[in-house]
PDB file of N, CA and C in Angstrom:
ATOM      1  N   MET A   1      -2.979   5.654  17.605  1.00  0.00           N
ATOM      2  CA  MET A   1      -3.542   6.926  17.209  1.00  0.00           C
ATOM      3  C   MET A   1      -4.933   7.103  17.823  1.00  0.00           C
ATOM      4  N   VAL A   2      -5.727   6.026  17.811  1.00  0.00           N
ATOM      5  CA  VAL A   2      -7.063   6.091  18.387  1.00  0.00           C
ATOM      6  C   VAL A   2      -6.983   6.381  19.880  1.00  0.00           C
ATOM      7  N   LEU A   3      -6.033   5.726  20.570  1.00  0.00           N
ATOM      8  CA  LEU A   3      -5.862   5.982  21.999  1.00  0.00           C
ATOM      9  C   LEU A   3      -5.471   7.436  22.263  1.00  0.00           C
ATOM     10  N   SER A   4      -4.567   7.959  21.451  1.00  0.00           N
ATOM     11  CA  SER A   4      -4.124   9.347  21.639  1.00  0.00           C
ATOM     12  C   SER A   4      -5.275  10.319  21.449  1.00  0.00           C
ATOM     13  N   LEU A   5      -6.024  10.155  20.374  1.00  0.00           N
ATOM     14  CA  LEU A   5      -7.140  11.057  20.115  1.00  0.00           C
ATOM     15  C   LEU A   5      -8.234  10.894  21.165  1.00  0.00           C
ATOM     16  N   GLY A   6      -8.460   9.659  21.606  1.00  0.00           N
ATOM     17  CA  GLY A   6      -9.435   9.418  22.666  1.00  0.00           C
ATOM     18  C   GLY A   6      -9.025  10.072  23.974  1.00  0.00           C
ATOM     19  N   THR A   7      -7.741   9.961  24.299  1.00  0.00           N
ATOM     20  CA  THR A   7      -7.244  10.601  25.524  1.00  0.00           C
ATOM     21  C   THR A   7      -7.341  12.114  25.418  1.00  0.00           C
ATOM     22  N   ASP A   8      -6.999  12.650  24.229  1.00  0.00           N
ATOM     23  CA  ASP A   8      -7.154  14.096  24.013  1.00  0.00           C
ATOM     24  C   ASP A   8      -8.599  14.520  24.279  1.00  0.00           C
ATOM     25  N   SER A   9      -9.542  13.776  23.721  1.00  0.00           N
ATOM     26  CA  SER A   9     -10.964  14.112  23.879  1.00  0.00           C
ATOM     27  C   SER A   9     -11.396  14.008  25.341  1.00  0.00           C
ATOM     28  N   ALA A  10     -10.942  12.962  26.018  1.00  0.00           N
ATOM     29  CA  ALA A  10     -11.298  12.790  27.430  1.00  0.00           C
ATOM     30  C   ALA A  10     -10.729  13.921  28.280  1.00  0.00           C
ATOM     31  N   LEU A  11      -9.490  14.314  28.014  1.00  0.00           N
ATOM     32  CA  LEU A  11      -8.881  15.408  28.775  1.00  0.00           C
ATOM     33  C   LEU A  11      -9.548  16.742  28.447  1.00  0.00           C
ATOM     34  N   ARG A  12     -10.001  16.902  27.209  1.00  0.00           N
ATOM     35  CA  ARG A  12     -10.739  18.107  26.839  1.00  0.00           C
ATOM     36  C   ARG A  12     -12.080  18.137  27.574  1.00  0.00           C
ATOM     37  N   ALA A  13     -12.781  16.975  27.600  1.00  0.00           N
ATOM     38  CA  ALA A  13     -14.074  16.894  28.284  1.00  0.00           C
ATOM     39  C   ALA A  13     -13.928  17.122  29.788  1.00  0.00           C
ATOM     40  N   ALA A  14     -12.797  16.689  30.348  1.00  0.00           N
ATOM     41  CA  ALA A  14     -12.559  16.864  31.784  1.00  0.00           C
ATOM     42  C   ALA A  14     -12.083  18.277  32.125  1.00  0.00           C
ATOM     43  N   GLY A  15     -11.835  19.091  31.099  1.00  0.00           N
ATOM     44  CA  GLY A  15     -11.392  20.454  31.338  1.00  0.00           C
ATOM     45  C   GLY A  15      -9.897  20.605  31.541  1.00  0.00           C
ATOM     46  N   VAL A  16      -9.140  19.517  31.357  1.00  0.00           N
ATOM     47  CA  VAL A  16      -7.679  19.601  31.491  1.00  0.00           C
ATOM     48  C   VAL A  16      -7.098  20.299  30.264  1.00  0.00           C
ATOM     49  N   PHE A  17      -7.542  19.882  29.078  1.00  0.00           N
ATOM     50  CA  PHE A  17      -7.129  20.530  27.836  1.00  0.00           C
ATOM     51  C   PHE A  17      -8.196  21.556  27.459  1.00  0.00           C
ATOM     52  N   PRO A  18      -7.784  22.672  26.864  1.00  0.00           N
ATOM     53  CA  PRO A  18      -8.776  23.667  26.429  1.00  0.00           C
ATOM     54  C   PRO A  18      -9.541  23.161  25.204  1.00  0.00           C
ATOM     55  N   PRO A  19     -10.663  23.790  24.873  1.00  0.00           N
ATOM     56  CA  PRO A  19     -11.424  23.396  23.679  1.00  0.00           C
ATOM     57  C   PRO A  19     -10.576  23.535  22.413  1.00  0.00           C
ATOM     58  N   LEU A  20     -10.905  22.736  21.410  1.00  0.00           N
ATOM     59  CA  LEU A  20     -10.204  22.821  20.122  1.00  0.00           C
ATOM     60  C   LEU A  20     -10.336  24.222  19.539  1.00  0.00           C
ATOM     61  N   GLY A  21      -9.269  24.685  18.942  1.00  0.00           N
ATOM     62  CA  GLY A  21      -9.294  25.980  18.279  1.00  0.00           C
ATOM     63  C   GLY A  21      -9.097  27.181  19.183  1.00  0.00           C
ATOM     64  N   GLN A  22      -8.990  26.953  20.479  1.00  0.00           N
ATOM     65  CA  GLN A  22      -8.782  28.076  21.395  1.00  0.00           C
ATOM     66  C   GLN A  22      -7.420  28.689  21.119  1.00  0.00           C
ATOM     67  N   GLN A  23      -7.368  29.989  21.127  1.00  0.00           N
ATOM     68  CA  GLN A  23      -6.114  30.698  20.921  1.00  0.00           C
ATOM     69  C   GLN A  23      -5.822  31.544  22.141  1.00  0.00           C
ATOM     70  N   PRO A  24      -4.634  31.550  22.690  1.00  0.00           N
ATOM     71  CA  PRO A  24      -3.516  30.716  22.259  1.00  0.00           C
ATOM     72  C   PRO A  24      -3.787  29.250  22.590  1.00  0.00           C
ATOM     73  N   PRO A  25      -3.088  28.327  21.881  1.00  0.00           N
ATOM     74  CA  PRO A  25      -3.291  26.908  22.148  1.00  0.00           C
ATOM     75  C   PRO A  25      -2.778  26.523  23.540  1.00  0.00           C
ATOM     76  N   MET A  26      -2.765  25.263  23.812  1.00  0.00           N
ATOM     77  CA  MET A  26      -2.376  24.767  25.141  1.00  0.00           C
ATOM     78  C   MET A  26      -0.990  25.254  25.549  1.00  0.00           C
ATOM     79  N   SER A  27      -0.747  25.188  26.840  1.00  0.00           N
ATOM     80  CA  SER A  27       0.563  25.557  27.381  1.00  0.00           C
ATOM     81  C   SER A  27       1.576  24.461  27.063  1.00  0.00           C
ATOM     82  N   ASP A  28       2.847  24.793  27.202  1.00  0.00           N
ATOM     83  CA  ASP A  28       3.902  23.804  26.971  1.00  0.00           C
ATOM     84  C   ASP A  28       3.763  22.607  27.909  1.00  0.00           C
ATOM     85  N   SER A  29       3.340  22.846  29.138  1.00  0.00           N
ATOM     86  CA  SER A  29       3.207  21.732  30.087  1.00  0.00           C
ATOM     87  C   SER A  29       2.116  20.761  29.635  1.00  0.00           C
ATOM     88  N   LEU A  30       1.042  21.258  29.045  1.00  0.00           N
ATOM     89  CA  LEU A  30       0.002  20.364  28.536  1.00  0.00           C
ATOM     90  C   LEU A  30       0.475  19.615  27.291  1.00  0.00           C
ATOM     91  N   PHE A  31       1.266  20.292  26.448  1.00  0.00           N
ATOM     92  CA  PHE A  31       1.850  19.592  25.298  1.00  0.00           C
ATOM     93  C   PHE A  31       2.843  18.524  25.775  1.00  0.00           C
ATOM     94  N   LEU A  32       3.546  18.796  26.864  1.00  0.00           N
ATOM     95  CA  LEU A  32       4.447  17.806  27.429  1.00  0.00           C
ATOM     96  C   LEU A  32       3.666  16.592  27.935  1.00  0.00           C
ATOM     97  N   LEU A  33       2.529  16.833  28.572  1.00  0.00           N
ATOM     98  CA  LEU A  33       1.663  15.739  29.007  1.00  0.00           C
ATOM     99  C   LEU A  33       1.206  14.911  27.809  1.00  0.00           C
ATOM    100  N   ALA A  34       0.776  15.567  26.743  1.00  0.00           N
ATOM    101  CA  ALA A  34       0.342  14.854  25.534  1.00  0.00           C
ATOM    102  C   ALA A  34       1.498  14.053  24.935  1.00  0.00           C
ATOM    103  N   THR A  35       2.698  14.614  24.945  1.00  0.00           N
ATOM    104  CA  THR A  35       3.868  13.892  24.445  1.00  0.00           C
ATOM    105  C   THR A  35       4.128  12.650  25.288  1.00  0.00           C
ATOM    106  N   ALA A  36       4.005  12.780  26.594  1.00  0.00           N
ATOM    107  CA  ALA A  36       4.279  11.652  27.494  1.00  0.00           C
ATOM    108  C   ALA A  36       3.322  10.495  27.237  1.00  0.00           C
ATOM    109  N   TYR A  37       2.019  10.764  27.148  1.00  0.00           N
ATOM    110  CA  TYR A  37       1.134   9.619  26.939  1.00  0.00           C
ATOM    111  C   TYR A  37       1.209   9.099  25.509  1.00  0.00           C
ATOM    112  N   ARG A  38       1.593   9.915  24.562  1.00  0.00           N
ATOM    113  CA  ARG A  38       1.802   9.409  23.202  1.00  0.00           C
ATOM    114  C   ARG A  38       3.024   8.482  23.154  1.00  0.00           C
ATOM    115  N   ILE A  39       4.043   8.782  23.944  1.00  0.00           N
ATOM    116  CA  ILE A  39       5.207   7.895  24.030  1.00  0.00           C
ATOM    117  C   ILE A  39       4.792   6.555  24.634  1.00  0.00           C
ATOM    118  N   VAL A  40       4.042   6.585  25.714  1.00  0.00           N
ATOM    119  CA  VAL A  40       3.568   5.344  26.339  1.00  0.00           C
ATOM    120  C   VAL A  40       2.733   4.544  25.352  1.00  0.00           C
ATOM    121  N   TYR A  41       1.825   5.213  24.647  1.00  0.00           N
ATOM    122  CA  TYR A  41       0.989   4.521  23.671  1.00  0.00           C
ATOM    123  C   TYR A  41       1.817   3.983  22.505  1.00  0.00           C
ATOM    124  N   GLY A  42       2.867   4.709  22.124  1.00  0.00           N
ATOM    125  CA  GLY A  42       3.749   4.233  21.049  1.00  0.00           C
ATOM    126  C   GLY A  42       4.464   2.954  21.440  1.00  0.00           C
ATOM    127  N   VAL A  43       4.970   2.897  22.663  1.00  0.00           N
ATOM    128  CA  VAL A  43       5.637   1.685  23.147  1.00  0.00           C
ATOM    129  C   VAL A  43       4.629   0.542  23.238  1.00  0.00           C
ATOM    130  N   ALA A  44       3.462   0.819  23.809  1.00  0.00           N
ATOM    131  CA  ALA A  44       2.439  -0.227  23.955  1.00  0.00           C
ATOM    132  C   ALA A  44       1.952  -0.724  22.600  1.00  0.00           C
ATOM    133  N   GLY A  45       1.759   0.179  21.666  1.00  0.00           N
ATOM    134  CA  GLY A  45       1.288  -0.209  20.337  1.00  0.00           C
ATOM    135  C   GLY A  45       2.292  -1.067  19.591  1.00  0.00           C
ATOM    136  N   THR A  46       3.564  -0.700  19.669  1.00  0.00           N
ATOM    137  CA  THR A  46       4.566  -1.498  18.967  1.00  0.00           C
ATOM    138  C   THR A  46       4.843  -2.805  19.701  1.00  0.00           C
ATOM    139  N   TYR A  47       4.671  -2.826  21.020  1.00  0.00           N
ATOM    140  CA  TYR A  47       4.740  -4.104  21.732  1.00  0.00           C
ATOM    141  C   TYR A  47       3.632  -5.024  21.224  1.00  0.00           C
ATOM    142  N   LEU A  48       2.434  -4.487  21.075  1.00  0.00           N
ATOM    143  CA  LEU A  48       1.316  -5.294  20.581  1.00  0.00           C
ATOM    144  C   LEU A  48       1.589  -5.797  19.168  1.00  0.00           C
ATOM    145  N   ILE A  49       2.150  -4.953  18.324  1.00  0.00           N
ATOM    146  CA  ILE A  49       2.527  -5.393  16.974  1.00  0.00           C
ATOM    147  C   ILE A  49       3.513  -6.547  17.071  1.00  0.00           C
ATOM    148  N   ALA A  50       4.529  -6.409  17.921  1.00  0.00           N
ATOM    149  CA  ALA A  50       5.530  -7.470  18.091  1.00  0.00           C
ATOM    150  C   ALA A  50       4.902  -8.720  18.679  1.00  0.00           C
ATOM    151  N   ARG A  51       3.985  -8.550  19.580  1.00  0.00           N
ATOM    152  CA  ARG A  51       3.302  -9.693  20.217  1.00  0.00           C
ATOM    153  C   ARG A  51       2.479 -10.473  19.210  1.00  0.00           C
ATOM    154  N   LEU A  52       1.860  -9.780  18.275  1.00  0.00           N
ATOM    155  CA  LEU A  52       1.023 -10.431  17.266  1.00  0.00           C
ATOM    156  C   LEU A  52       1.807 -10.941  16.062  1.00  0.00           C
ATOM    157  N   ALA A  53       3.077 -10.568  15.982  1.00  0.00           N
ATOM    158  CA  ALA A  53       3.893 -10.972  14.833  1.00  0.00           C
ATOM    159  C   ALA A  53       4.113 -12.484  14.838  1.00  0.00           C
ATOM    160  N   PRO A  54       3.947 -13.131  13.682  1.00  0.00           N
ATOM    161  CA  PRO A  54       4.164 -14.572  13.620  1.00  0.00           C
ATOM    162  C   PRO A  54       5.641 -14.946  13.817  1.00  0.00           C
ATOM    163  N   ASP A  55       6.543 -14.057  13.430  1.00  0.00           N
ATOM    164  CA  ASP A  55       7.982 -14.240  13.629  1.00  0.00           C
ATOM    165  C   ASP A  55       8.637 -12.856  13.535  1.00  0.00           C
ATOM    166  N   ARG A  56       9.918 -12.767  13.873  1.00  0.00           N
ATOM    167  CA  ARG A  56      10.677 -11.512  13.829  1.00  0.00           C
ATOM    168  C   ARG A  56       9.938 -10.337  14.470  1.00  0.00           C
ATOM    169  N   PRO A  57       9.647 -10.437  15.756  1.00  0.00           N
ATOM    170  CA  PRO A  57       8.865  -9.375  16.411  1.00  0.00           C
ATOM    171  C   PRO A  57       9.526  -7.996  16.363  1.00  0.00           C
ATOM    172  N   MET A  58      10.843  -7.938  16.459  1.00  0.00           N
ATOM    173  CA  MET A  58      11.503  -6.632  16.439  1.00  0.00           C
ATOM    174  C   MET A  58      11.319  -5.961  15.078  1.00  0.00           C
ATOM    175  N   GLN A  59      11.441  -6.723  14.007  1.00  0.00           N
ATOM    176  CA  GLN A  59      11.273  -6.130  12.681  1.00  0.00           C
ATOM    177  C   GLN A  59       9.845  -5.613  12.495  1.00  0.00           C
ATOM    178  N   HIS A  60       8.866  -6.362  12.978  1.00  0.00           N
ATOM    179  CA  HIS A  60       7.485  -5.910  12.876  1.00  0.00           C
ATOM    180  C   HIS A  60       7.276  -4.625  13.686  1.00  0.00           C
ATOM    181  N   ALA A  61       7.835  -4.592  14.891  1.00  0.00           N
ATOM    182  CA  ALA A  61       7.704  -3.397  15.729  1.00  0.00           C
ATOM    183  C   ALA A  61       8.351  -2.194  15.053  1.00  0.00           C
ATOM    184  N   LEU A  62       9.523  -2.386  14.445  1.00  0.00           N
ATOM    185  CA  LEU A  62      10.213  -1.279  13.787  1.00  0.00           C
ATOM    186  C   LEU A  62       9.467  -0.798  12.542  1.00  0.00           C
ATOM    187  N   VAL A  63       8.806  -1.703  11.833  1.00  0.00           N
ATOM    188  CA  VAL A  63       7.974  -1.269  10.705  1.00  0.00           C
ATOM    189  C   VAL A  63       6.831  -0.404  11.226  1.00  0.00           C
ATOM    190  N   GLY A  64       6.217  -0.815  12.336  1.00  0.00           N
ATOM    191  CA  GLY A  64       5.191   0.020  12.962  1.00  0.00           C
ATOM    192  C   GLY A  64       5.743   1.384  13.343  1.00  0.00           C
ATOM    193  N   GLY A  65       6.960   1.413  13.880  1.00  0.00           N
ATOM    194  CA  GLY A  65       7.599   2.675  14.233  1.00  0.00           C
ATOM    195  C   GLY A  65       7.899   3.529  13.011  1.00  0.00           C
ATOM    196  N   ALA A  66       8.292   2.894  11.905  1.00  0.00           N
ATOM    197  CA  ALA A  66       8.562   3.637  10.674  1.00  0.00           C
ATOM    198  C   ALA A  66       7.279   4.276  10.136  1.00  0.00           C
ATOM    199  N   ILE A  67       6.177   3.553  10.249  1.00  0.00           N
ATOM    200  CA  ILE A  67       4.889   4.130   9.839  1.00  0.00           C
ATOM    201  C   ILE A  67       4.553   5.322  10.739  1.00  0.00           C
ATOM    202  N   GLY A  68       4.777   5.163  12.049  1.00  0.00           N
ATOM    203  CA  GLY A  68       4.564   6.274  12.975  1.00  0.00           C
ATOM    204  C   GLY A  68       5.456   7.461  12.658  1.00  0.00           C
ATOM    205  N   LEU A  69       6.699   7.198  12.276  1.00  0.00           N
ATOM    206  CA  LEU A  69       7.619   8.268  11.905  1.00  0.00           C
ATOM    207  C   LEU A  69       7.108   9.011  10.673  1.00  0.00           C
ATOM    208  N   LEU A  70       6.660   8.271   9.674  1.00  0.00           N
ATOM    209  CA  LEU A  70       6.150   8.912   8.458  1.00  0.00           C
ATOM    210  C   LEU A  70       4.918   9.780   8.760  1.00  0.00           C
ATOM    211  N   VAL A  71       4.011   9.252   9.566  1.00  0.00           N
ATOM    212  CA  VAL A  71       2.824  10.033   9.945  1.00  0.00           C
ATOM    213  C   VAL A  71       3.240  11.278  10.728  1.00  0.00           C
ATOM    214  N   SER A  72       4.222  11.139  11.601  1.00  0.00           N
ATOM    215  CA  SER A  72       4.699  12.280  12.380  1.00  0.00           C
ATOM    216  C   SER A  72       5.353  13.329  11.496  1.00  0.00           C
ATOM    217  N   ILE A  73       6.098  12.894  10.493  1.00  0.00           N
ATOM    218  CA  ILE A  73       6.729  13.847   9.565  1.00  0.00           C
ATOM    219  C   ILE A  73       5.658  14.617   8.797  1.00  0.00           C
ATOM    220  N   VAL A  74       4.611  13.920   8.385  1.00  0.00           N
ATOM    221  CA  VAL A  74       3.498  14.606   7.725  1.00  0.00           C
ATOM    222  C   VAL A  74       2.905  15.645   8.676  1.00  0.00           C
ATOM    223  N   GLY A  75       2.778  15.291   9.959  1.00  0.00           N
ATOM    224  CA  GLY A  75       2.276  16.233  10.951  1.00  0.00           C
ATOM    225  C   GLY A  75       3.173  17.445  11.118  1.00  0.00           C
ATOM    226  N   VAL A  76       4.487  17.217  11.117  1.00  0.00           N
ATOM    227  CA  VAL A  76       5.438  18.337  11.228  1.00  0.00           C
ATOM    228  C   VAL A  76       5.255  19.286  10.054  1.00  0.00           C
ATOM    229  N   VAL A  77       5.222  18.732   8.849  1.00  0.00           N
ATOM    230  CA  VAL A  77       5.102  19.566   7.644  1.00  0.00           C
ATOM    231  C   VAL A  77       3.764  20.315   7.635  1.00  0.00           C
ATOM    232  N   ALA A  78       2.688  19.614   8.001  1.00  0.00           N
ATOM    233  CA  ALA A  78       1.354  20.223   7.943  1.00  0.00           C
ATOM    234  C   ALA A  78       1.172  21.331   8.972  1.00  0.00           C
ATOM    235  N   THR A  79       1.847  21.242  10.102  1.00  0.00           N
ATOM    236  CA  THR A  79       1.619  22.231  11.165  1.00  0.00           C
ATOM    237  C   THR A  79       2.704  23.291  11.269  1.00  0.00           C
ATOM    238  N   TRP A  80       3.808  23.144  10.551  1.00  0.00           N
ATOM    239  CA  TRP A  80       4.964  24.013  10.755  1.00  0.00           C
ATOM    240  C   TRP A  80       4.629  25.491  10.585  1.00  0.00           C
ATOM    241  N   ASN A  81       4.026  25.874   9.487  1.00  0.00           N
ATOM    242  CA  ASN A  81       3.732  27.286   9.230  1.00  0.00           C
ATOM    243  C   ASN A  81       2.240  27.581   9.337  1.00  0.00           C
ATOM    244  N   HIS A  82       1.511  26.762  10.039  1.00  0.00           N
ATOM    245  CA  HIS A  82       0.073  26.935  10.160  1.00  0.00           C
ATOM    246  C   HIS A  82      -0.240  28.206  10.946  1.00  0.00           C
ATOM    247  N   GLN A  83      -1.202  28.959  10.445  1.00  0.00           N
ATOM    248  CA  GLN A  83      -1.638  30.173  11.135  1.00  0.00           C
ATOM    249  C   GLN A  83      -3.123  30.071  11.404  1.00  0.00           C
ATOM    250  N   PRO A  84      -3.626  30.191  12.593  1.00  0.00           N
ATOM    251  CA  PRO A  84      -2.863  30.393  13.812  1.00  0.00           C
ATOM    252  C   PRO A  84      -2.079  29.134  14.166  1.00  0.00           C
ATOM    253  N   PRO A  85      -1.028  29.261  14.968  1.00  0.00           N
ATOM    254  CA  PRO A  85      -0.203  28.105  15.329  1.00  0.00           C
ATOM    255  C   PRO A  85      -1.032  27.028  16.039  1.00  0.00           C
ATOM    256  N   LEU A  86      -0.748  25.790  15.698  1.00  0.00           N
ATOM    257  CA  LEU A  86      -1.440  24.666  16.331  1.00  0.00           C
ATOM    258  C   LEU A  86      -0.691  24.161  17.550  1.00  0.00           C
ATOM    259  N   GLY A  87       0.424  24.754  17.833  1.00  0.00           N
ATOM    260  CA  GLY A  87       1.232  24.353  18.975  1.00  0.00           C
ATOM    261  C   GLY A  87       2.692  24.640  18.698  1.00  0.00           C
ATOM    262  N   PRO A  88       3.522  24.385  19.694  1.00  0.00           N
ATOM    263  CA  PRO A  88       4.951  24.664  19.519  1.00  0.00           C
ATOM    264  C   PRO A  88       5.588  23.672  18.548  1.00  0.00           C
ATOM    265  N   HIS A  89       6.607  24.122  17.850  1.00  0.00           N
ATOM    266  CA  HIS A  89       7.309  23.252  16.902  1.00  0.00           C
ATOM    267  C   HIS A  89       7.937  22.046  17.598  1.00  0.00           C
ATOM    268  N   TRP A  90       8.384  22.226  18.837  1.00  0.00           N
ATOM    269  CA  TRP A  90       9.051  21.117  19.523  1.00  0.00           C
ATOM    270  C   TRP A  90       8.123  19.924  19.685  1.00  0.00           C
ATOM    271  N   TYR A  91       6.817  20.179  19.801  1.00  0.00           N
ATOM    272  CA  TYR A  91       5.868  19.092  20.028  1.00  0.00           C
ATOM    273  C   TYR A  91       5.812  18.150  18.822  1.00  0.00           C
ATOM    274  N   SER A  92       5.604  18.695  17.644  1.00  0.00           N
ATOM    275  CA  SER A  92       5.523  17.828  16.471  1.00  0.00           C
ATOM    276  C   SER A  92       6.878  17.177  16.186  1.00  0.00           C
ATOM    277  N   LEU A  93       7.958  17.887  16.447  1.00  0.00           N
ATOM    278  CA  LEU A  93       9.286  17.289  16.273  1.00  0.00           C
ATOM    279  C   LEU A  93       9.524  16.161  17.275  1.00  0.00           C
ATOM    280  N   ALA A  94       9.070  16.349  18.509  1.00  0.00           N
ATOM    281  CA  ALA A  94       9.242  15.310  19.538  1.00  0.00           C
ATOM    282  C   ALA A  94       8.517  14.027  19.143  1.00  0.00           C
ATOM    283  N   LEU A  95       7.335  14.153  18.556  1.00  0.00           N
ATOM    284  CA  LEU A  95       6.601  12.956  18.128  1.00  0.00           C
ATOM    285  C   LEU A  95       7.363  12.218  17.034  1.00  0.00           C
ATOM    286  N   ALA A  96       7.958  12.960  16.108  1.00  0.00           N
ATOM    287  CA  ALA A  96       8.738  12.329  15.045  1.00  0.00           C
ATOM    288  C   ALA A  96      10.016  11.700  15.604  1.00  0.00           C
ATOM    289  N   ILE A  97      10.696  12.396  16.487  1.00  0.00           N
ATOM    290  CA  ILE A  97      11.971  11.918  17.033  1.00  0.00           C
ATOM    291  C   ILE A  97      11.783  10.667  17.900  1.00  0.00           C
ATOM    292  N   THR A  98      10.670  10.566  18.598  1.00  0.00           N
ATOM    293  CA  THR A  98      10.467   9.437  19.510  1.00  0.00           C
ATOM    294  C   THR A  98       9.829   8.215  18.858  1.00  0.00           C
ATOM    295  N   ALA A  99       9.377   8.326  17.619  1.00  0.00           N
ATOM    296  CA  ALA A  99       8.658   7.205  16.981  1.00  0.00           C
ATOM    297  C   ALA A  99       9.508   5.924  16.930  1.00  0.00           C
ATOM    298  N   LEU A 100      10.708   6.001  16.407  1.00  0.00           N
ATOM    299  CA  LEU A 100      11.534   4.795  16.288  1.00  0.00           C
ATOM    300  C   LEU A 100      12.069   4.291  17.634  1.00  0.00           C
ATOM    301  N   PRO A 101      12.515   5.165  18.543  1.00  0.00           N
ATOM    302  CA  PRO A 101      12.914   4.649  19.861  1.00  0.00           C
ATOM    303  C   PRO A 101      11.763   3.947  20.597  1.00  0.00           C
ATOM    304  N   CYS A 102      10.568   4.472  20.484  1.00  0.00           N
ATOM    305  CA  CYS A 102       9.409   3.809  21.105  1.00  0.00           C
ATOM    306  C   CYS A 102       9.182   2.440  20.483  1.00  0.00           C
ATOM    307  N   ALA A 103       9.310   2.359  19.163  1.00  0.00           N
ATOM    308  CA  ALA A 103       9.120   1.086  18.469  1.00  0.00           C
ATOM    309  C   ALA A 103      10.193   0.088  18.893  1.00  0.00           C
ATOM    310  N   TRP A 104      11.435   0.555  18.999  1.00  0.00           N
ATOM    311  CA  TRP A 104      12.502  -0.341  19.433  1.00  0.00           C
ATOM    312  C   TRP A 104      12.208  -0.862  20.841  1.00  0.00           C
ATOM    313  N   LEU A 105      11.769   0.021  21.732  1.00  0.00           N
ATOM    314  CA  LEU A 105      11.475  -0.395  23.103  1.00  0.00           C
ATOM    315  C   LEU A 105      10.313  -1.379  23.138  1.00  0.00           C
ATOM    316  N   GLY A 106       9.271  -1.135  22.359  1.00  0.00           N
ATOM    317  CA  GLY A 106       8.151  -2.072  22.295  1.00  0.00           C
ATOM    318  C   GLY A 106       8.603  -3.447  21.807  1.00  0.00           C
ATOM    319  N   GLY A 107       9.436  -3.468  20.766  1.00  0.00           N
ATOM    320  CA  GLY A 107       9.970  -4.734  20.270  1.00  0.00           C
ATOM    321  C   GLY A 107      10.897  -5.398  21.273  1.00  0.00           C
ATOM    322  N   LYS A 108      11.711  -4.615  21.944  1.00  0.00           N
ATOM    323  CA  LYS A 108      12.637  -5.146  22.952  1.00  0.00           C
ATOM    324  C   LYS A 108      11.878  -5.777  24.118  1.00  0.00           C
ATOM    325  N   LEU A 109      10.805  -5.142  24.548  1.00  0.00           N
ATOM    326  CA  LEU A 109       9.999  -5.719  25.632  1.00  0.00           C
ATOM    327  C   LEU A 109       9.456  -7.090  25.235  1.00  0.00           C
ATOM    328  N   ARG A 110       9.023  -7.212  23.982  1.00  0.00           N
ATOM    329  CA  ARG A 110       8.523  -8.505  23.514  1.00  0.00           C
ATOM    330  C   ARG A 110       9.652  -9.531  23.453  1.00  0.00           C
ATOM    331  N   LEU A 111      10.821  -9.155  22.965  1.00  0.00           N
ATOM    332  CA  LEU A 111      11.952 -10.086  22.914  1.00  0.00           C
ATOM    333  C   LEU A 111      12.351 -10.539  24.309  1.00  0.00           C
ATOM    334  N   MET A 112      12.345  -9.620  25.271  1.00  0.00           N
ATOM    335  CA  MET A 112      12.673  -9.989  26.652  1.00  0.00           C
ATOM    336  C   MET A 112      11.643 -10.970  27.194  1.00  0.00           C
ATOM    337  N   GLN A 113      10.399 -10.753  26.857  1.00  0.00           N
ATOM    338  CA  GLN A 113       9.338 -11.658  27.297  1.00  0.00           C
ATOM    339  C   GLN A 113       9.532 -13.044  26.690  1.00  0.00           C
ATOM    340  N   LEU A 114       9.925 -13.105  25.442  1.00  0.00           N
ATOM    341  CA  LEU A 114      10.128 -14.396  24.779  1.00  0.00           C
ATOM    342  C   LEU A 114      11.330 -15.149  25.360  1.00  0.00           C
ATOM    343  N   ARG A 115      12.333 -14.419  25.810  1.00  0.00           N
ATOM    344  CA  ARG A 115      13.550 -15.046  26.345  1.00  0.00           C
ATOM    345  C   ARG A 115      13.462 -15.381  27.822  1.00  0.00           C
ATOM    346  N   ALA A 116      12.464 -14.855  28.509  1.00  0.00           N
ATOM    347  CA  ALA A 116      12.325 -15.111  29.950  1.00  0.00           C
ATOM    348  C   ALA A 116      11.966 -16.574  30.173  1.00  0.00           C
ATOM    349  N   PRO A 117      12.590 -17.190  31.183  1.00  0.00           N
ATOM    350  CA  PRO A 117      12.237 -18.584  31.457  1.00  0.00           C
ATOM    351  C   PRO A 117      10.783 -18.688  31.906  1.00  0.00           C
ATOM    352  N   SER A 118      10.139 -19.720  31.449  1.00  0.00           N
ATOM    353  CA  SER A 118       8.742 -19.891  31.830  1.00  0.00           C
ATOM    354  C   SER A 118       8.683 -20.413  33.281  1.00  0.00           C
ATOM    355  N   PRO A 119       7.678 -19.970  34.032  1.00  0.00           N
ATOM    356  CA  PRO A 119       7.565 -20.386  35.426  1.00  0.00           C
ATOM    357  C   PRO A 119       7.236 -21.888  35.486  1.00  0.00           C
ATOM    358  N   PRO A 120       7.711 -22.541  36.542  1.00  0.00           N
ATOM    359  CA  PRO A 120       7.405 -23.974  36.677  1.00  0.00           C
ATOM    360  C   PRO A 120       5.903 -24.182  36.868  1.00  0.00           C
ATOM    361  N   THR A 121       5.421 -25.250  36.303  1.00  0.00           N
ATOM    362  CA  THR A 121       4.000 -25.563  36.459  1.00  0.00           C
ATOM    363  C   THR A 121       3.817 -26.450  37.680  1.00  0.00           C
ATOM    364  N   SER A 122       2.743 -26.216  38.393  1.00  0.00           N
ATOM    365  CA  SER A 122       2.471 -27.044  39.573  1.00  0.00           C
ATOM    366  C   SER A 122       1.357 -28.033  39.227  1.00  0.00           C
ATOM    367  N   ARG A 123       1.431 -29.180  39.865  1.00  0.00           N
ATOM    368  CA  ARG A 123       0.413 -30.205  39.600  1.00  0.00           C
ATOM    369  C   ARG A 123      -0.452 -30.413  40.786  1.00  0.00           C
TER     370      ARG A 123
END
C-alpha cells in the first residue's frame, strides 16, 4: 500500500497523474497504469510475506492476499456511489479481483525458489 501511494505521489509530482481532486478524474489509460503497478506490487508484497514466513509460505501469502481483498472490497463500497466520482467502477473492482491471484503468484514464486536446486559451490 505504501509503495502504491508513493508511486501515485511520484507520478502526480512528475505531472503524469493530475492533481488530487481534479474533475474529471484521470483517464482510463492512467487508471490502467495504476492497476498494472498495483498488481506488480501485490505480487512482490505477497512474495515478501512468503519469503519471511517461518513455514507454509503459500498460506502466509494467501492470508496477505485475503487482507488485500478485504481492503479492496472496502474501497469498492466506499467509492461506488461517491460524488464526484473518484474513478471508474472497473478500477476498484479490478483491485479486488486481482488480490488473490497476485497473492497466489507471490506464494508460487517463493515455492519455486524453495524447490530450485541450489547452485554448486566452488572452492
